Amino acid sequence: MLNSFSLLALLCSTGSILVVLGIILTIPAIWQLIMLIGGLILCGIGIFGVTRLLLSEKGK
C-alpha cells in the first residue's frame, strides 16, 4: 500500500508543480495551456487514486 500511495502522491505533486509553472513562467500561451491542463489531469488522477486506495483500505 505504501508504495502505491507514494507513487500517487508523487503523481499529484508533479501535476501541482506543472500548474504552478504554467502560471508563473512567461512562455507562449499554448504551452501555458498545455501545462495547466496536463497538471490538472495529473492532479485529478492522483487525488482519485489516493481516495480510492484509502477507501479500499478502510473497507478491509
PDB file of N, CA and C in Angstrom:
ATOM      1  N   MET A   1       0.818  -1.187   0.000  1.00  0.00           N
ATOM      2  CA  MET A   1       0.000   0.000   0.000  1.00  0.00           C
ATOM      3  C   MET A   1       0.864   1.254   0.000  1.00  0.00           C
ATOM      4  N   LEU A   2       1.935   1.258   0.774  1.00  0.00           N
ATOM      5  CA  LEU A   2       2.767   2.453   0.892  1.00  0.00           C
ATOM      6  C   LEU A   2       3.420   2.798  -0.429  1.00  0.00           C
ATOM      7  N   ASN A   3       3.813   1.795  -1.194  1.00  0.00           N
ATOM      8  CA  ASN A   3       4.432   2.048  -2.492  1.00  0.00           C
ATOM      9  C   ASN A   3       3.432   2.695  -3.446  1.00  0.00           C
ATOM     10  N   SER A   4       2.219   2.195  -3.472  1.00  0.00           N
ATOM     11  CA  SER A   4       1.180   2.777  -4.330  1.00  0.00           C
ATOM     12  C   SER A   4       0.829   4.186  -3.870  1.00  0.00           C
ATOM     13  N   PHE A   5       0.746   4.364  -2.576  1.00  0.00           N
ATOM     14  CA  PHE A   5       0.409   5.671  -2.031  1.00  0.00           C
ATOM     15  C   PHE A   5       1.477   6.707  -2.374  1.00  0.00           C
ATOM     16  N   SER A   6       2.739   6.340  -2.233  1.00  0.00           N
ATOM     17  CA  SER A   6       3.819   7.289  -2.543  1.00  0.00           C
ATOM     18  C   SER A   6       3.869   7.589  -4.041  1.00  0.00           C
ATOM     19  N   LEU A   7       3.574   6.619  -4.880  1.00  0.00           N
ATOM     20  CA  LEU A   7       3.544   6.851  -6.322  1.00  0.00           C
ATOM     21  C   LEU A   7       2.406   7.807  -6.692  1.00  0.00           C
ATOM     22  N   LEU A   8       1.239   7.615  -6.107  1.00  0.00           N
ATOM     23  CA  LEU A   8       0.109   8.503  -6.382  1.00  0.00           C
ATOM     24  C   LEU A   8       0.354   9.904  -5.836  1.00  0.00           C
ATOM     25  N   ALA A   9       0.985   9.998  -4.675  1.00  0.00           N
ATOM     26  CA  ALA A   9       1.306  11.311  -4.116  1.00  0.00           C
ATOM     27  C   ALA A   9       2.328  12.032  -4.992  1.00  0.00           C
ATOM     28  N   LEU A  10       3.289  11.293  -5.529  1.00  0.00           N
ATOM     29  CA  LEU A  10       4.271  11.888  -6.434  1.00  0.00           C
ATOM     30  C   LEU A  10       3.600  12.354  -7.721  1.00  0.00           C
ATOM     31  N   LEU A  11       2.653  11.600  -8.222  1.00  0.00           N
ATOM     32  CA  LEU A  11       1.907  11.984  -9.421  1.00  0.00           C
ATOM     33  C   LEU A  11       1.120  13.270  -9.184  1.00  0.00           C
ATOM     34  N   CYS A  12       0.478  13.366  -8.042  1.00  0.00           N
ATOM     35  CA  CYS A  12      -0.304  14.553  -7.720  1.00  0.00           C
ATOM     36  C   CYS A  12       0.593  15.774  -7.530  1.00  0.00           C
ATOM     37  N   SER A  13       1.730  15.601  -6.889  1.00  0.00           N
ATOM     38  CA  SER A  13       2.629  16.738  -6.695  1.00  0.00           C
ATOM     39  C   SER A  13       3.254  17.189  -8.011  1.00  0.00           C
ATOM     40  N   THR A  14       3.510  16.263  -8.920  1.00  0.00           N
ATOM     41  CA  THR A  14       4.016  16.632 -10.240  1.00  0.00           C
ATOM     42  C   THR A  14       2.985  17.465 -10.987  1.00  0.00           C
ATOM     43  N   GLY A  15       1.734  17.075 -10.889  1.00  0.00           N
ATOM     44  CA  GLY A  15       0.664  17.852 -11.513  1.00  0.00           C
ATOM     45  C   GLY A  15       0.562  19.244 -10.924  1.00  0.00           C
ATOM     46  N   SER A  16       0.715  19.352  -9.611  1.00  0.00           N
ATOM     47  CA  SER A  16       0.661  20.656  -8.961  1.00  0.00           C
ATOM     48  C   SER A  16       1.815  21.547  -9.401  1.00  0.00           C
ATOM     49  N   ILE A  17       2.994  20.967  -9.533  1.00  0.00           N
ATOM     50  CA  ILE A  17       4.158  21.730  -9.985  1.00  0.00           C
ATOM     51  C   ILE A  17       3.951  22.208 -11.413  1.00  0.00           C
ATOM     52  N   LEU A  18       3.383  21.378 -12.269  1.00  0.00           N
ATOM     53  CA  LEU A  18       3.092  21.802 -13.639  1.00  0.00           C
ATOM     54  C   LEU A  18       2.104  22.965 -13.683  1.00  0.00           C
ATOM     55  N   VAL A  19       1.105  22.930 -12.831  1.00  0.00           N
ATOM     56  CA  VAL A  19       0.136  24.019 -12.786  1.00  0.00           C
ATOM     57  C   VAL A  19       0.816  25.315 -12.361  1.00  0.00           C
ATOM     58  N   VAL A  20       1.633  25.245 -11.327  1.00  0.00           N
ATOM     59  CA  VAL A  20       2.318  26.446 -10.842  1.00  0.00           C
ATOM     60  C   VAL A  20       3.286  26.979 -11.893  1.00  0.00           C
ATOM     61  N   LEU A  21       4.038  26.097 -12.523  1.00  0.00           N
ATOM     62  CA  LEU A  21       4.964  26.547 -13.561  1.00  0.00           C
ATOM     63  C   LEU A  21       4.229  27.132 -14.757  1.00  0.00           C
ATOM     64  N   GLY A  22       3.084  26.569 -15.086  1.00  0.00           N
ATOM     65  CA  GLY A  22       2.290  27.107 -16.172  1.00  0.00           C
ATOM     66  C   GLY A  22       1.787  28.509 -15.884  1.00  0.00           C
ATOM     67  N   ILE A  23       1.603  28.820 -14.611  1.00  0.00           N
ATOM     68  CA  ILE A  23       1.125  30.146 -14.236  1.00  0.00           C
ATOM     69  C   ILE A  23       2.268  31.158 -14.200  1.00  0.00           C
ATOM     70  N   ILE A  24       3.417  30.779 -13.627  1.00  0.00           N
ATOM     71  CA  ILE A  24       4.452  31.781 -13.380  1.00  0.00           C
ATOM     72  C   ILE A  24       5.451  31.960 -14.516  1.00  0.00           C
ATOM     73  N   LEU A  25       5.590  30.986 -15.401  1.00  0.00           N
ATOM     74  CA  LEU A  25       6.559  31.137 -16.483  1.00  0.00           C
ATOM     75  C   LEU A  25       6.012  32.012 -17.595  1.00  0.00           C
ATOM     76  N   THR A  26       6.902  32.777 -18.196  1.00  0.00           N
ATOM     77  CA  THR A  26       6.494  33.594 -19.342  1.00  0.00           C
ATOM     78  C   THR A  26       6.865  32.841 -20.613  1.00  0.00           C
ATOM     79  N   ILE A  27       5.960  31.975 -21.030  1.00  0.00           N
ATOM     80  CA  ILE A  27       6.129  31.172 -22.238  1.00  0.00           C
ATOM     81  C   ILE A  27       4.902  31.419 -23.110  1.00  0.00           C
ATOM     82  N   PRO A  28       4.924  30.969 -24.360  1.00  0.00           N
ATOM     83  CA  PRO A  28       3.746  31.171 -25.211  1.00  0.00           C
ATOM     84  C   PRO A  28       2.475  30.585 -24.583  1.00  0.00           C
ATOM     85  N   ALA A  29       1.366  31.203 -24.911  1.00  0.00           N
ATOM     86  CA  ALA A  29       0.086  30.852 -24.282  1.00  0.00           C
ATOM     87  C   ALA A  29      -0.299  29.396 -24.509  1.00  0.00           C
ATOM     88  N   ILE A  30       0.029  28.841 -25.668  1.00  0.00           N
ATOM     89  CA  ILE A  30      -0.340  27.444 -25.934  1.00  0.00           C
ATOM     90  C   ILE A  30       0.397  26.495 -24.995  1.00  0.00           C
ATOM     91  N   TRP A  31       1.664  26.793 -24.705  1.00  0.00           N
ATOM     92  CA  TRP A  31       2.425  25.952 -23.779  1.00  0.00           C
ATOM     93  C   TRP A  31       1.907  26.097 -22.353  1.00  0.00           C
ATOM     94  N   GLN A  32       1.512  27.309 -21.985  1.00  0.00           N
ATOM     95  CA  GLN A  32       0.918  27.502 -20.663  1.00  0.00           C
ATOM     96  C   GLN A  32      -0.370  26.693 -20.540  1.00  0.00           C
ATOM     97  N   LEU A  33      -1.179  26.728 -21.572  1.00  0.00           N
ATOM     98  CA  LEU A  33      -2.439  25.986 -21.556  1.00  0.00           C
ATOM     99  C   LEU A  33      -2.191  24.482 -21.466  1.00  0.00           C
ATOM    100  N   ILE A  34      -1.215  23.999 -22.222  1.00  0.00           N
ATOM    101  CA  ILE A  34      -0.877  22.572 -22.178  1.00  0.00           C
ATOM    102  C   ILE A  34      -0.391  22.177 -20.789  1.00  0.00           C
ATOM    103  N   MET A  35       0.460  23.019 -20.179  1.00  0.00           N
ATOM    104  CA  MET A  35       0.963  22.714 -18.837  1.00  0.00           C
ATOM    105  C   MET A  35      -0.154  22.741 -17.809  1.00  0.00           C
ATOM    106  N   LEU A  36      -1.058  23.709 -17.907  1.00  0.00           N
ATOM    107  CA  LEU A  36      -2.161  23.794 -16.957  1.00  0.00           C
ATOM    108  C   LEU A  36      -3.105  22.607 -17.077  1.00  0.00           C
ATOM    109  N   ILE A  37      -3.484  22.267 -18.291  1.00  0.00           N
ATOM    110  CA  ILE A  37      -4.396  21.134 -18.488  1.00  0.00           C
ATOM    111  C   ILE A  37      -3.727  19.820 -18.090  1.00  0.00           C
ATOM    112  N   GLY A  38      -2.468  19.647 -18.486  1.00  0.00           N
ATOM    113  CA  GLY A  38      -1.749  18.426 -18.104  1.00  0.00           C
ATOM    114  C   GLY A  38      -1.590  18.305 -16.602  1.00  0.00           C
ATOM    115  N   GLY A  39      -1.274  19.411 -15.944  1.00  0.00           N
ATOM    116  CA  GLY A  39      -1.142  19.399 -14.485  1.00  0.00           C
ATOM    117  C   GLY A  39      -2.445  19.086 -13.790  1.00  0.00           C
ATOM    118  N   LEU A  40      -3.536  19.652 -14.291  1.00  0.00           N
ATOM    119  CA  LEU A  40      -4.835  19.367 -13.688  1.00  0.00           C
ATOM    120  C   LEU A  40      -5.240  17.908 -13.882  1.00  0.00           C
ATOM    121  N   ILE A  41      -4.931  17.360 -15.044  1.00  0.00           N
ATOM    122  CA  ILE A  41      -5.240  15.947 -15.286  1.00  0.00           C
ATOM    123  C   ILE A  41      -4.431  15.054 -14.352  1.00  0.00           C
ATOM    124  N   LEU A  42      -3.124  15.321 -14.237  1.00  0.00           N
ATOM    125  CA  LEU A  42      -2.289  14.514 -13.338  1.00  0.00           C
ATOM    126  C   LEU A  42      -2.737  14.635 -11.886  1.00  0.00           C
ATOM    127  N   CYS A  43      -3.080  15.849 -11.483  1.00  0.00           N
ATOM    128  CA  CYS A  43      -3.534  16.063 -10.110  1.00  0.00           C
ATOM    129  C   CYS A  43      -4.857  15.336  -9.861  1.00  0.00           C
ATOM    130  N   GLY A  44      -5.756  15.400 -10.823  1.00  0.00           N
ATOM    131  CA  GLY A  44      -7.038  14.713 -10.680  1.00  0.00           C
ATOM    132  C   GLY A  44      -6.881  13.210 -10.590  1.00  0.00           C
ATOM    133  N   ILE A  45      -6.000  12.648 -11.424  1.00  0.00           N
ATOM    134  CA  ILE A  45      -5.745  11.204 -11.382  1.00  0.00           C
ATOM    135  C   ILE A  45      -5.139  10.820 -10.039  1.00  0.00           C
ATOM    136  N   GLY A  46      -4.202  11.633  -9.554  1.00  0.00           N
ATOM    137  CA  GLY A  46      -3.561  11.344  -8.267  1.00  0.00           C
ATOM    138  C   GLY A  46      -4.538  11.395  -7.115  1.00  0.00           C
ATOM    139  N   ILE A  47      -5.383  12.407  -7.081  1.00  0.00           N
ATOM    140  CA  ILE A  47      -6.355  12.538  -5.996  1.00  0.00           C
ATOM    141  C   ILE A  47      -7.386  11.409  -6.058  1.00  0.00           C
ATOM    142  N   PHE A  48      -7.839  11.076  -7.264  1.00  0.00           N
ATOM    143  CA  PHE A  48      -8.786   9.976  -7.415  1.00  0.00           C
ATOM    144  C   PHE A  48      -8.167   8.658  -6.948  1.00  0.00           C
ATOM    145  N   GLY A  49      -6.910   8.428  -7.325  1.00  0.00           N
ATOM    146  CA  GLY A  49      -6.243   7.188  -6.927  1.00  0.00           C
ATOM    147  C   GLY A  49      -6.018   7.091  -5.428  1.00  0.00           C
ATOM    148  N   VAL A  50      -5.605   8.187  -4.810  1.00  0.00           N
ATOM    149  CA  VAL A  50      -5.387   8.184  -3.359  1.00  0.00           C
ATOM    150  C   VAL A  50      -6.699   7.955  -2.625  1.00  0.00           C
ATOM    151  N   THR A  51      -7.756   8.600  -3.087  1.00  0.00           N
ATOM    152  CA  THR A  51      -9.063   8.417  -2.452  1.00  0.00           C
ATOM    153  C   THR A  51      -9.521   6.973  -2.572  1.00  0.00           C
ATOM    154  N   ARG A  52      -9.365   6.411  -3.765  1.00  0.00           N
ATOM    155  CA  ARG A  52      -9.762   5.019  -3.970  1.00  0.00           C
ATOM    156  C   ARG A  52      -8.933   4.060  -3.119  1.00  0.00           C
ATOM    157  N   LEU A  53      -7.634   4.337  -3.018  1.00  0.00           N
ATOM    158  CA  LEU A  53      -6.746   3.495  -2.214  1.00  0.00           C
ATOM    159  C   LEU A  53      -7.118   3.556  -0.737  1.00  0.00           C
ATOM    160  N   LEU A  54      -7.386   4.759  -0.235  1.00  0.00           N
ATOM    161  CA  LEU A  54      -7.733   4.892   1.173  1.00  0.00           C
ATOM    162  C   LEU A  54      -9.095   4.284   1.486  1.00  0.00           C
ATOM    163  N   LEU A  55     -10.052   4.429   0.581  1.00  0.00           N
ATOM    164  CA  LEU A  55     -11.365   3.826   0.815  1.00  0.00           C
ATOM    165  C   LEU A  55     -11.315   2.312   0.761  1.00  0.00           C
ATOM    166  N   SER A  56     -10.455   1.755  -0.113  1.00  0.00           N
ATOM    167  CA  SER A  56     -10.358   0.290  -0.172  1.00  0.00           C
ATOM    168  C   SER A  56      -9.674  -0.252   1.086  1.00  0.00           C
ATOM    169  N   GLU A  57      -8.728   0.507   1.651  1.00  0.00           N
ATOM    170  CA  GLU A  57      -8.073   0.062   2.877  1.00  0.00           C
ATOM    171  C   GLU A  57      -9.019   0.178   4.065  1.00  0.00           C
ATOM    172  N   LYS A  58      -9.882   1.176   4.048  1.00  0.00           N
ATOM    173  CA  LYS A  58     -10.834   1.354   5.147  1.00  0.00           C
ATOM    174  C   LYS A  58     -11.849   0.236   5.163  1.00  0.00           C
ATOM    175  N   GLY A  59     -12.215  -0.275   4.004  1.00  0.00           N
ATOM    176  CA  GLY A  59     -13.205  -1.341   3.909  1.00  0.00           C
ATOM    177  C   GLY A  59     -12.677  -2.705   4.337  1.00  0.00           C
ATOM    178  N   LYS A  60     -11.366  -2.851   4.399  1.00  0.00           N
ATOM    179  CA  LYS A  60     -10.799  -4.162   4.769  1.00  0.00           C
ATOM    180  C   LYS A  60     -10.865  -4.419   6.247  1.00  0.00           C
TER     181      LYS A  60
END
